[in-house]
């Protein structure tokens, strides 16, 4: 699988206290602001981490819930 430049910024090093620095270009692209809270999740399949802005994850969850609600309505109509 080729590496897409739009998804790769650079490598980082884990410091002695477990900290990493998010590259400046990534912070700018994602509009991460100092003091902003982020969620760090373990990737469900691969050995890695996924970082989300809390608001972005909430929007995704809201959209997923709307999709599930629509699917349930369709299923209910099919059984009626």
PDB file of N, CA and C in Angstrom:
ATOM      1  N   UNK A   1       0.850  -1.178   0.000  1.00  0.00           N
ATOM      2  CA  UNK A   1       0.000   0.000   0.000  1.00  0.00           C
ATOM      3  C   UNK A   1       0.892   1.237   0.000  1.00  0.00           C
ATOM      4  N   UNK A   2       0.678   2.134  -0.919  1.00  0.00           N
ATOM      5  CA  UNK A   2       1.480   3.343  -1.020  1.00  0.00           C
ATOM      6  C   UNK A   2       1.110   4.314   0.095  1.00  0.00           C
ATOM      7  N   UNK A   3       2.089   5.084   0.515  1.00  0.00           N
ATOM      8  CA  UNK A   3       1.865   6.080   1.555  1.00  0.00           C
ATOM      9  C   UNK A   3       1.336   7.353   0.914  1.00  0.00           C
ATOM     10  N   UNK A   4       0.186   7.798   1.339  1.00  0.00           N
ATOM     11  CA  UNK A   4      -0.435   9.020   0.836  1.00  0.00           C
ATOM     12  C   UNK A   4       0.111  10.196   1.636  1.00  0.00           C
ATOM     13  N   UNK A   5       0.762  11.136   0.970  1.00  0.00           N
ATOM     14  CA  UNK A   5       1.370  12.286   1.644  1.00  0.00           C
ATOM     15  C   UNK A   5       0.351  13.067   2.467  1.00  0.00           C
ATOM     16  N   UNK A   6      -0.912  13.071   2.052  1.00  0.00           N
ATOM     17  CA  UNK A   6      -1.912  13.814   2.808  1.00  0.00           C
ATOM     18  C   UNK A   6      -2.207  13.162   4.157  1.00  0.00           C
ATOM     19  N   UNK A   7      -1.761  11.927   4.353  1.00  0.00           N
ATOM     20  CA  UNK A   7      -2.015  11.234   5.611  1.00  0.00           C
ATOM     21  C   UNK A   7      -0.745  11.014   6.425  1.00  0.00           C
ATOM     22  N   UNK A   8       0.404  11.376   5.899  1.00  0.00           N
ATOM     23  CA  UNK A   8       1.666  11.165   6.613  1.00  0.00           C
ATOM     24  C   UNK A   8       2.359  12.501   6.801  1.00  0.00           C
ATOM     25  N   UNK A   9       2.691  12.832   8.032  1.00  0.00           N
ATOM     26  CA  UNK A   9       3.371  14.089   8.311  1.00  0.00           C
ATOM     27  C   UNK A   9       4.859  13.862   8.533  1.00  0.00           C
ATOM     28  N   UNK A  10       5.201  13.052   9.501  1.00  0.00           N
ATOM     29  CA  UNK A  10       6.585  12.713   9.789  1.00  0.00           C
ATOM     30  C   UNK A  10       6.575  11.724  10.935  1.00  0.00           C
ATOM     31  N   UNK A  11       7.728  11.158  11.240  1.00  0.00           N
ATOM     32  CA  UNK A  11       7.803  10.268  12.394  1.00  0.00           C
ATOM     33  C   UNK A  11       8.091  11.104  13.638  1.00  0.00           C
ATOM     34  N   UNK A  12       7.685  10.590  14.780  1.00  0.00           N
ATOM     35  CA  UNK A  12       7.935  11.262  16.053  1.00  0.00           C
ATOM     36  C   UNK A  12       8.570  10.258  16.998  1.00  0.00           C
ATOM     37  N   UNK A  13       9.166  10.754  18.072  1.00  0.00           N
ATOM     38  CA  UNK A  13       9.830   9.906  19.054  1.00  0.00           C
ATOM     39  C   UNK A  13       9.095  10.009  20.379  1.00  0.00           C
ATOM     40  N   UNK A  14       8.872   8.872  21.021  1.00  0.00           N
ATOM     41  CA  UNK A  14       8.261   8.855  22.355  1.00  0.00           C
ATOM     42  C   UNK A  14       9.345   9.224  23.356  1.00  0.00           C
ATOM     43  N   UNK A  15       9.068  10.273  24.149  1.00  0.00           N
ATOM     44  CA  UNK A  15      10.025  10.717  25.163  1.00  0.00           C
ATOM     45  C   UNK A  15       9.982   9.832  26.395  1.00  0.00           C
ATOM     46  N   UNK A  16      10.869  10.105  27.325  1.00  0.00           N
ATOM     47  CA  UNK A  16      10.968   9.298  28.549  1.00  0.00           C
ATOM     48  C   UNK A  16       9.691   9.319  29.374  1.00  0.00           C
ATOM     49  N   UNK A  17       8.915  10.386  29.282  1.00  0.00           N
ATOM     50  CA  UNK A  17       7.654  10.486  30.029  1.00  0.00           C
ATOM     51  C   UNK A  17       6.472  10.011  29.191  1.00  0.00           C
ATOM     52  N   UNK A  18       6.730   9.390  28.032  1.00  0.00           N
ATOM     53  CA  UNK A  18       5.663   8.865  27.191  1.00  0.00           C
ATOM     54  C   UNK A  18       5.027   9.903  26.290  1.00  0.00           C
ATOM     55  N   UNK A  19       5.631  11.071  26.183  1.00  0.00           N
ATOM     56  CA  UNK A  19       5.047  12.145  25.393  1.00  0.00           C
ATOM     57  C   UNK A  19       5.561  12.125  23.958  1.00  0.00           C
ATOM     58  N   UNK A  20       4.700  12.562  23.049  1.00  0.00           N
ATOM     59  CA  UNK A  20       5.091  12.797  21.663  1.00  0.00           C
ATOM     60  C   UNK A  20       4.681  14.214  21.294  1.00  0.00           C
ATOM     61  N   UNK A  21       5.308  14.754  20.268  1.00  0.00           N
ATOM     62  CA  UNK A  21       4.944  16.071  19.772  1.00  0.00           C
ATOM     63  C   UNK A  21       4.236  15.882  18.441  1.00  0.00           C
ATOM     64  N   UNK A  22       3.029  16.422  18.331  1.00  0.00           N
ATOM     65  CA  UNK A  22       2.294  16.365  17.066  1.00  0.00           C
ATOM     66  C   UNK A  22       2.960  17.362  16.124  1.00  0.00           C
ATOM     67  N   UNK A  23       3.379  16.913  14.940  1.00  0.00           N
ATOM     68  CA  UNK A  23       4.064  17.813  14.012  1.00  0.00           C
ATOM     69  C   UNK A  23       3.250  19.076  13.721  1.00  0.00           C
ATOM     70  N   UNK A  24       3.955  20.205  13.558  1.00  0.00           N
ATOM     71  CA  UNK A  24       3.308  21.502  13.345  1.00  0.00           C
ATOM     72  C   UNK A  24       2.350  21.474  12.165  1.00  0.00           C
ATOM     73  N   UNK A  25       2.730  20.831  11.063  1.00  0.00           N
ATOM     74  CA  UNK A  25       1.859  20.769   9.880  1.00  0.00           C
ATOM     75  C   UNK A  25       0.562  20.022  10.201  1.00  0.00           C
ATOM     76  N   UNK A  26       0.667  18.947  10.973  1.00  0.00           N
ATOM     77  CA  UNK A  26      -0.527  18.189  11.370  1.00  0.00           C
ATOM     78  C   UNK A  26      -1.411  19.032  12.279  1.00  0.00           C
ATOM     79  N   UNK A  27      -0.797  19.749  13.237  1.00  0.00           N
ATOM     80  CA  UNK A  27      -1.591  20.610  14.126  1.00  0.00           C
ATOM     81  C   UNK A  27      -2.319  21.671  13.329  1.00  0.00           C
ATOM     82  N   UNK A  28      -1.646  22.244  12.345  1.00  0.00           N
ATOM     83  CA  UNK A  28      -2.274  23.278  11.518  1.00  0.00           C
ATOM     84  C   UNK A  28      -3.403  22.689  10.673  1.00  0.00           C
ATOM     85  N   UNK A  29      -3.150  21.552  10.018  1.00  0.00           N
ATOM     86  CA  UNK A  29      -4.171  20.922   9.177  1.00  0.00           C
ATOM     87  C   UNK A  29      -5.410  20.537   9.977  1.00  0.00           C
ATOM     88  N   UNK A  30      -5.219  20.068  11.198  1.00  0.00           N
ATOM     89  CA  UNK A  30      -6.330  19.622  12.033  1.00  0.00           C
ATOM     90  C   UNK A  30      -6.874  20.733  12.923  1.00  0.00           C
ATOM     91  N   UNK A  31      -6.235  21.903  12.871  1.00  0.00           N
ATOM     92  CA  UNK A  31      -6.626  23.051  13.686  1.00  0.00           C
ATOM     93  C   UNK A  31      -6.625  22.714  15.175  1.00  0.00           C
ATOM     94  N   UNK A  32      -5.621  21.941  15.616  1.00  0.00           N
ATOM     95  CA  UNK A  32      -5.453  21.655  17.044  1.00  0.00           C
ATOM     96  C   UNK A  32      -4.946  22.924  17.716  1.00  0.00           C
ATOM     97  N   UNK A  33      -5.605  23.329  18.791  1.00  0.00           N
ATOM     98  CA  UNK A  33      -5.242  24.538  19.513  1.00  0.00           C
ATOM     99  C   UNK A  33      -4.633  24.176  20.868  1.00  0.00           C
ATOM    100  N   UNK A  34      -3.696  24.994  21.368  1.00  0.00           N
ATOM    101  CA  UNK A  34      -3.118  24.728  22.694  1.00  0.00           C
ATOM    102  C   UNK A  34      -4.220  24.600  23.743  1.00  0.00           C
ATOM    103  N   UNK A  35      -4.125  23.590  24.578  1.00  0.00           N
ATOM    104  CA  UNK A  35      -5.107  23.358  25.631  1.00  0.00           C
ATOM    105  C   UNK A  35      -6.320  22.550  25.203  1.00  0.00           C
ATOM    106  N   UNK A  36      -6.460  22.313  23.897  1.00  0.00           N
ATOM    107  CA  UNK A  36      -7.614  21.553  23.400  1.00  0.00           C
ATOM    108  C   UNK A  36      -7.502  20.087  23.822  1.00  0.00           C
ATOM    109  N   UNK A  37      -8.610  19.516  24.245  1.00  0.00           N
ATOM    110  CA  UNK A  37      -8.646  18.118  24.663  1.00  0.00           C
ATOM    111  C   UNK A  37      -8.817  17.208  23.453  1.00  0.00           C
ATOM    112  N   UNK A  38      -8.028  16.150  23.416  1.00  0.00           N
ATOM    113  CA  UNK A  38      -8.103  15.147  22.359  1.00  0.00           C
ATOM    114  C   UNK A  38      -8.325  13.785  22.991  1.00  0.00           C
ATOM    115  N   UNK A  39      -8.971  12.902  22.253  1.00  0.00           N
ATOM    116  CA  UNK A  39      -9.138  11.523  22.692  1.00  0.00           C
ATOM    117  C   UNK A  39      -8.110  10.668  21.971  1.00  0.00           C
ATOM    118  N   UNK A  40      -7.445   9.799  22.707  1.00  0.00           N
ATOM    119  CA  UNK A  40      -6.469   8.879  22.133  1.00  0.00           C
ATOM    120  C   UNK A  40      -7.014   7.478  22.341  1.00  0.00           C
ATOM    121  N   UNK A  41      -7.270   6.782  21.229  1.00  0.00           N
ATOM    122  CA  UNK A  41      -7.865   5.453  21.273  1.00  0.00           C
ATOM    123  C   UNK A  41      -6.909   4.432  20.672  1.00  0.00           C
ATOM    124  N   UNK A  42      -6.961   3.217  21.176  1.00  0.00           N
ATOM    125  CA  UNK A  42      -6.214   2.118  20.574  1.00  0.00           C
ATOM    126  C   UNK A  42      -6.925   1.715  19.297  1.00  0.00           C
ATOM    127  N   UNK A  43      -6.168   1.532  18.229  1.00  0.00           N
ATOM    128  CA  UNK A  43      -6.769   1.059  16.978  1.00  0.00           C
ATOM    129  C   UNK A  43      -7.346  -0.324  17.236  1.00  0.00           C
ATOM    130  N   UNK A  44      -8.543  -0.611  16.744  1.00  0.00           N
ATOM    131  CA  UNK A  44      -9.207  -1.877  17.072  1.00  0.00           C
ATOM    132  C   UNK A  44      -8.539  -3.113  16.475  1.00  0.00           C
ATOM    133  N   UNK A  45      -7.700  -2.946  15.449  1.00  0.00           N
ATOM    134  CA  UNK A  45      -7.102  -4.110  14.799  1.00  0.00           C
ATOM    135  C   UNK A  45      -5.578  -4.074  14.849  1.00  0.00           C
ATOM    136  N   UNK A  46      -5.019  -2.951  14.497  1.00  0.00           N
ATOM    137  CA  UNK A  46      -3.567  -2.844  14.365  1.00  0.00           C
ATOM    138  C   UNK A  46      -2.940  -2.251  15.616  1.00  0.00           C
ATOM    139  N   UNK A  47      -1.649  -2.439  15.752  1.00  0.00           N
ATOM    140  CA  UNK A  47      -0.938  -1.890  16.903  1.00  0.00           C
ATOM    141  C   UNK A  47      -0.652  -0.414  16.633  1.00  0.00           C
ATOM    142  N   UNK A  48      -1.556   0.442  17.071  1.00  0.00           N
ATOM    143  CA  UNK A  48      -1.406   1.867  16.843  1.00  0.00           C
ATOM    144  C   UNK A  48      -2.454   2.648  17.604  1.00  0.00           C
ATOM    145  N   UNK A  49      -2.385   3.956  17.480  1.00  0.00           N
ATOM    146  CA  UNK A  49      -3.306   4.846  18.168  1.00  0.00           C
ATOM    147  C   UNK A  49      -4.040   5.713  17.158  1.00  0.00           C
ATOM    148  N   UNK A  50      -5.229   6.155  17.535  1.00  0.00           N
ATOM    149  CA  UNK A  50      -6.031   7.066  16.740  1.00  0.00           C
ATOM    150  C   UNK A  50      -6.328   8.265  17.637  1.00  0.00           C
ATOM    151  N   UNK A  51      -6.145   9.475  17.098  1.00  0.00           N
ATOM    152  CA  UNK A  51      -6.365  10.698  17.873  1.00  0.00           C
ATOM    153  C   UNK A  51      -7.534  11.457  17.260  1.00  0.00           C
ATOM    154  N   UNK A  52      -8.490  11.841  18.094  1.00  0.00           N
ATOM    155  CA  UNK A  52      -9.676  12.569  17.651  1.00  0.00           C
ATOM    156  C   UNK A  52      -9.837  13.847  18.454  1.00  0.00           C
ATOM    157  N   UNK A  53     -10.305  14.898  17.774  1.00  0.00           N
ATOM    158  CA  UNK A  53     -10.850  16.036  18.505  1.00  0.00           C
ATOM    159  C   UNK A  53     -12.182  15.554  19.067  1.00  0.00           C
ATOM    160  N   UNK A  54     -12.496  15.917  20.289  1.00  0.00           N
ATOM    161  CA  UNK A  54     -13.729  15.440  20.915  1.00  0.00           C
ATOM    162  C   UNK A  54     -14.938  15.817  20.074  1.00  0.00           C
ATOM    163  N   UNK A  55     -14.992  17.038  19.588  1.00  0.00           N
ATOM    164  CA  UNK A  55     -16.132  17.476  18.771  1.00  0.00           C
ATOM    165  C   UNK A  55     -16.268  16.682  17.492  1.00  0.00           C
ATOM    166  N   UNK A  56     -15.149  16.323  16.872  1.00  0.00           N
ATOM    167  CA  UNK A  56     -15.194  15.547  15.637  1.00  0.00           C
ATOM    168  C   UNK A  56     -15.735  14.150  15.898  1.00  0.00           C
ATOM    169  N   UNK A  57     -15.346  13.556  16.992  1.00  0.00           N
ATOM    170  CA  UNK A  57     -15.842  12.225  17.330  1.00  0.00           C
ATOM    171  C   UNK A  57     -17.327  12.281  17.662  1.00  0.00           C
ATOM    172  N   UNK A  58     -17.757  13.345  18.345  1.00  0.00           N
ATOM    173  CA  UNK A  58     -19.175  13.484  18.670  1.00  0.00           C
ATOM    174  C   UNK A  58     -19.995  13.609  17.391  1.00  0.00           C
ATOM    175  N   UNK A  59     -19.513  14.381  16.429  1.00  0.00           N
ATOM    176  CA  UNK A  59     -20.209  14.515  15.149  1.00  0.00           C
ATOM    177  C   UNK A  59     -20.313  13.186  14.425  1.00  0.00           C
ATOM    178  N   UNK A  60     -19.240  12.403  14.446  1.00  0.00           N
ATOM    179  CA  UNK A  60     -19.257  11.082  13.829  1.00  0.00           C
ATOM    180  C   UNK A  60     -20.275  10.186  14.510  1.00  0.00           C
ATOM    181  N   UNK A  61     -20.300  10.209  15.838  1.00  0.00           N
ATOM    182  CA  UNK A  61     -21.238   9.367  16.584  1.00  0.00           C
ATOM    183  C   UNK A  61     -22.690   9.788  16.313  1.00  0.00           C
ATOM    184  N   UNK A  62     -22.932  11.093  16.215  1.00  0.00           N
ATOM    185  CA  UNK A  62     -24.279  11.581  15.905  1.00  0.00           C
ATOM    186  C   UNK A  62     -24.719  11.106  14.524  1.00  0.00           C
ATOM    187  N   UNK A  63     -23.815  11.205  13.553  1.00  0.00           N
ATOM    188  CA  UNK A  63     -24.123  10.755  12.190  1.00  0.00           C
ATOM    189  C   UNK A  63     -24.379   9.252  12.158  1.00  0.00           C
ATOM    190  N   UNK A  64     -23.579   8.506  12.889  1.00  0.00           N
ATOM    191  CA  UNK A  64     -23.768   7.059  12.957  1.00  0.00           C
ATOM    192  C   UNK A  64     -25.127   6.725  13.575  1.00  0.00           C
ATOM    193  N   UNK A  65     -25.520   7.443  14.616  1.00  0.00           N
ATOM    194  CA  UNK A  65     -26.816   7.195  15.258  1.00  0.00           C
ATOM    195  C   UNK A  65     -27.958   7.478  14.293  1.00  0.00           C
ATOM    196  N   UNK A  66     -27.864   8.564  13.520  1.00  0.00           N
ATOM    197  CA  UNK A  66     -28.915   8.875  12.531  1.00  0.00           C
ATOM    198  C   UNK A  66     -29.011   7.759  11.495  1.00  0.00           C
ATOM    199  N   UNK A  67     -27.862   7.238  11.064  1.00  0.00           N
ATOM    200  CA  UNK A  67     -27.854   6.151  10.082  1.00  0.00           C
ATOM    201  C   UNK A  67     -28.487   4.895  10.671  1.00  0.00           C
ATOM    202  N   UNK A  68     -28.157   4.585  11.916  1.00  0.00           N
ATOM    203  CA  UNK A  68     -28.757   3.414  12.575  1.00  0.00           C
ATOM    204  C   UNK A  68     -30.263   3.580  12.735  1.00  0.00           C
ATOM    205  N   UNK A  69     -30.700   4.796  13.078  1.00  0.00           N
ATOM    206  CA  UNK A  69     -32.136   5.059  13.225  1.00  0.00           C
ATOM    207  C   UNK A  69     -32.866   4.845  11.898  1.00  0.00           C
ATOM    208  N   UNK A  70     -32.284   5.347  10.798  1.00  0.00           N
ATOM    209  CA  UNK A  70     -32.901   5.170   9.478  1.00  0.00           C
ATOM    210  C   UNK A  70     -32.948   3.687   9.098  1.00  0.00           C
ATOM    211  N   UNK A  71     -31.880   2.964   9.374  1.00  0.00           N
ATOM    212  CA  UNK A  71     -31.842   1.541   9.054  1.00  0.00           C
ATOM    213  C   UNK A  71     -32.917   0.789   9.843  1.00  0.00           C
ATOM    214  N   UNK A  72     -33.100   1.170  11.100  1.00  0.00           N
ATOM    215  CA  UNK A  72     -34.123   0.523  11.925  1.00  0.00           C
ATOM    216  C   UNK A  72     -35.526   0.807  11.398  1.00  0.00           C
ATOM    217  N   UNK A  73     -35.769   2.056  10.967  1.00  0.00           N
ATOM    218  CA  UNK A  73     -37.062   2.408  10.381  1.00  0.00           C
ATOM    219  C   UNK A  73     -37.351   1.585   9.139  1.00  0.00           C
ATOM    220  N   UNK A  74     -36.349   1.413   8.286  1.00  0.00           N
ATOM    221  CA  UNK A  74     -36.515   0.606   7.056  1.00  0.00           C
ATOM    222  C   UNK A  74     -36.808  -0.840   7.418  1.00  0.00           C
ATOM    223  N   UNK A  75     -36.071  -1.369   8.394  1.00  0.00           N
ATOM    224  CA  UNK A  75     -36.288  -2.751   8.827  1.00  0.00           C
ATOM    225  C   UNK A  75     -37.697  -2.915   9.395  1.00  0.00           C
ATOM    226  N   UNK A  76     -38.161  -1.928  10.159  1.00  0.00           N
ATOM    227  CA  UNK A  76     -39.501  -1.994  10.739  1.00  0.00           C
ATOM    228  C   UNK A  76     -40.566  -1.958   9.653  1.00  0.00           C
ATOM    229  N   UNK A  77     -40.368  -1.130   8.625  1.00  0.00           N
ATOM    230  CA  UNK A  77     -41.326  -1.047   7.507  1.00  0.00           C
ATOM    231  C   UNK A  77     -41.377  -2.373   6.750  1.00  0.00           C
ATOM    232  N   UNK A  78     -40.205  -3.021   6.577  1.00  0.00           N
ATOM    233  CA  UNK A  78     -40.158  -4.285   5.853  1.00  0.00           C
ATOM    234  C   UNK A  78     -40.878  -5.410   6.583  1.00  0.00           C
ATOM    235  N   UNK A  79     -40.904  -5.342   7.913  1.00  0.00           N
ATOM    236  CA  UNK A  79     -41.558  -6.408   8.683  1.00  0.00           C
ATOM    237  C   UNK A  79     -43.036  -6.132   8.899  1.00  0.00           C
ATOM    238  N   UNK A  80     -43.468  -4.909   8.612  1.00  0.00           N
ATOM    239  CA  UNK A  80     -44.885  -4.557   8.830  1.00  0.00           C
ATOM    240  C   UNK A  80     -45.769  -5.005   7.688  1.00  0.00           C
TER     241      UNK A  80
END
